[in-house]
C-alpha atoms as a PDB file:
ATOM      1  CA  MET A   1       0.000   0.000   0.000  1.00  0.00           C
ATOM      2  CA  LYS A   2       1.325   3.466  -0.883  1.00  0.00           C
ATOM      3  CA  LYS A   3       2.444   5.881   1.826  1.00  0.00           C
ATOM      4  CA  TYR A   4       1.387   9.427   0.903  1.00  0.00           C
ATOM      5  CA  THR A   5       3.186  12.674   1.686  1.00  0.00           C
ATOM      6  CA  GLN A   6       1.609  16.015   2.553  1.00  0.00           C
ATOM      7  CA  GLU A   7       2.557  17.307  -0.904  1.00  0.00           C
ATOM      8  CA  GLU A   8       0.799  14.409  -2.635  1.00  0.00           C
ATOM      9  CA  PHE A   9      -2.266  14.913  -0.425  1.00  0.00           C
ATOM     10  CA  ASN A  10      -2.359  18.610  -1.316  1.00  0.00           C
ATOM     11  CA  ASN A  11      -2.530  17.689  -5.006  1.00  0.00           C
ATOM     12  CA  PHE A  12      -5.314  15.071  -4.856  1.00  0.00           C
ATOM     13  CA  GLU A  13      -8.319  15.593  -7.136  1.00  0.00           C
ATOM     14  CA  ILE A  14     -11.356  17.492  -5.851  1.00  0.00           C
ATOM     15  CA  ASP A  15     -14.669  16.215  -7.204  1.00  0.00           C
ATOM     16  CA  LYS A  16     -17.595  18.290  -8.488  1.00  0.00           C
ATOM     17  CA  ASN A  17     -19.067  18.434  -4.947  1.00  0.00           C
ATOM     18  CA  GLY A  18     -15.885  19.852  -3.434  1.00  0.00           C
ATOM     19  CA  PHE A  19     -14.685  16.583  -1.812  1.00  0.00           C
ATOM     20  CA  LYS A  20     -10.987  15.719  -1.951  1.00  0.00           C
ATOM     21  CA  ILE A  21     -10.607  12.143  -3.247  1.00  0.00           C
ATOM     22  CA  CYS A  22      -7.947  10.356  -1.169  1.00  0.00           C
ATOM     23  CA  PRO A  23      -7.007   6.897  -2.464  1.00  0.00           C
ATOM     24  CA  SER A  24      -6.515   3.933  -0.163  1.00  0.00           C
ATOM     25  CA  GLY A  25      -3.133   4.246   1.490  1.00  0.00           C
ATOM     26  CA  ILE A  26      -1.006   5.092   4.478  1.00  0.00           C
ATOM     27  CA  TYR A  27      -1.381   8.647   5.781  1.00  0.00           C
ATOM     28  CA  THR A  28       1.112   8.546   8.646  1.00  0.00           C
ATOM     29  CA  SER A  29       3.530  11.188   7.302  1.00  0.00           C
ATOM     30  CA  PHE A  30       1.245  13.980   8.539  1.00  0.00           C
ATOM     31  CA  ASN A  31      -1.823  14.266  10.738  1.00  0.00           C
ATOM     32  CA  ASN A  32      -4.002  17.268   9.886  1.00  0.00           C
ATOM     33  CA  PHE A  33      -6.686  16.817   7.266  1.00  0.00           C
ATOM     34  CA  GLU A  34      -9.082  19.411   5.908  1.00  0.00           C
ATOM     35  CA  ASP A  35     -12.884  19.319   5.570  1.00  0.00           C
ATOM     36  CA  LYS A  36     -14.616  17.149   2.980  1.00  0.00           C
ATOM     37  CA  CYS A  37     -12.109  14.347   2.365  1.00  0.00           C
ATOM     38  CA  ILE A  38     -13.089  10.902   1.127  1.00  0.00           C
ATOM     39  CA  PHE A  39     -10.560   8.234   2.144  1.00  0.00           C
ATOM     40  CA  GLY A  40     -10.361   4.854   0.398  1.00  0.00           C
ATOM     41  CA  LYS A  41     -10.785   1.550   2.224  1.00  0.00           C
ATOM     42  CA  ASN A  42      -7.963   0.144   4.343  1.00  0.00           C
ATOM     43  CA  SER A  43      -6.371   3.556   4.883  1.00  0.00           C
ATOM     44  CA  TYR A  44      -4.134   4.055   7.947  1.00  0.00           C
ATOM     45  CA  PHE A  45      -3.687   7.211  10.047  1.00  0.00           C
ATOM     46  CA  LYS A  46      -1.251   8.015  12.856  1.00  0.00           C
ATOM     47  CA  GLU A  47      -2.005   9.078  16.415  1.00  0.00           C
ATOM     48  CA  ASN A  48      -3.036  12.668  17.142  1.00  0.00           C
ATOM     49  CA  SER A  49      -4.683  13.001  13.733  1.00  0.00           C
ATOM     50  CA  SER A  50      -7.312  15.689  13.218  1.00  0.00           C
ATOM     51  CA  PHE A  51      -9.978  15.601  10.509  1.00  0.00           C
ATOM     52  CA  GLY A  52     -12.251  18.420   9.379  1.00  0.00           C
ATOM     53  CA  LYS A  53     -16.015  18.190   9.070  1.00  0.00           C
ATOM     54  CA  ASN A  54     -17.806  16.028   6.518  1.00  0.00           C
ATOM     55  CA  CYS A  55     -14.981  13.518   6.007  1.00  0.00           C
ATOM     56  CA  TYR A  56     -15.909  10.049   4.769  1.00  0.00           C
ATOM     57  CA  PHE A  57     -13.975   6.860   5.517  1.00  0.00           C
ATOM     58  CA  GLU A  58     -14.526   3.659   3.538  1.00  0.00           C
ATOM     59  CA  ASN A  59     -14.366   0.109   4.965  1.00  0.00           C
ATOM     60  CA  ASN A  60     -11.533  -1.055   7.211  1.00  0.00           C
ATOM     61  CA  CYS A  61      -9.813   2.265   7.908  1.00  0.00           C
ATOM     62  CA  HIS A  62      -7.469   2.173  10.925  1.00  0.00           C
ATOM     63  CA  PHE A  63      -6.909   4.988  13.403  1.00  0.00           C
ATOM     64  CA  SER A  64      -4.256   5.244  16.116  1.00  0.00           C
ATOM     65  CA  LYS A  65      -4.939   6.895  19.481  1.00  0.00           C
ATOM     66  CA  ASN A  66      -5.817  10.546  20.179  1.00  0.00           C
ATOM     67  CA  TYR A  67      -7.696  11.408  17.010  1.00  0.00           C
ATOM     68  CA  SER A  68     -10.397  14.048  16.534  1.00  0.00           C
ATOM     69  CA  PHE A  69     -13.147  14.383  13.947  1.00  0.00           C
ATOM     70  CA  GLY A  70     -15.251  17.333  12.823  1.00  0.00           C
ATOM     71  CA  ASN A  71     -19.030  17.273  12.482  1.00  0.00           C
ATOM     72  CA  ASN A  72     -20.796  14.881  10.128  1.00  0.00           C
ATOM     73  CA  CYS A  73     -17.896  12.453   9.554  1.00  0.00           C
ATOM     74  CA  VAL A  74     -19.041   9.054   8.277  1.00  0.00           C
ATOM     75  CA  PHE A  75     -17.371   5.668   8.889  1.00  0.00           C
ATOM     76  CA  GLU A  76     -18.071   2.516   6.886  1.00  0.00           C
ATOM     77  CA  ASN A  77     -17.971  -1.048   8.283  1.00  0.00           C
ATOM     78  CA  LYS A  78     -15.044  -2.383  10.311  1.00  0.00           C
ATOM     79  CA  CYS A  79     -13.158   0.868  10.893  1.00  0.00           C
ATOM     80  CA  THR A  80     -10.945   0.363  13.955  1.00  0.00           C
ATOM     81  CA  PHE A  81      -9.939   2.820  16.654  1.00  0.00           C
ATOM     82  CA  LYS A  82      -7.242   2.453  19.320  1.00  0.00           C
ATOM     83  CA  LYS A  83      -8.019   3.706  22.816  1.00  0.00           C
ATOM     84  CA  SER A  84      -6.800   7.133  23.842  1.00  0.00           C
ATOM     85  CA  ASN A  85      -4.519   7.562  26.840  1.00  0.00           C
ATOM     86  CA  PRO A  86      -6.338   9.096  29.842  1.00  0.00           C
END
């Protein structure tokens, strides 16, 4: 699976509805994501990641601890989340 850089992320296609299309991959090189992103299935994110509102995550996405999500984010089946430290 491809590991994406911030520069590659910045250049992803934006669809006609204003959503950034993010292919399946590993997004552990950075941890701040804007509003209206659609992430492909089996994508991985590192701890302390922050996602803007209206993000969409396809099946089997994996999240490390200490993440935050904006309003109206949607998660498909079998997304996994690690517990945050107290």
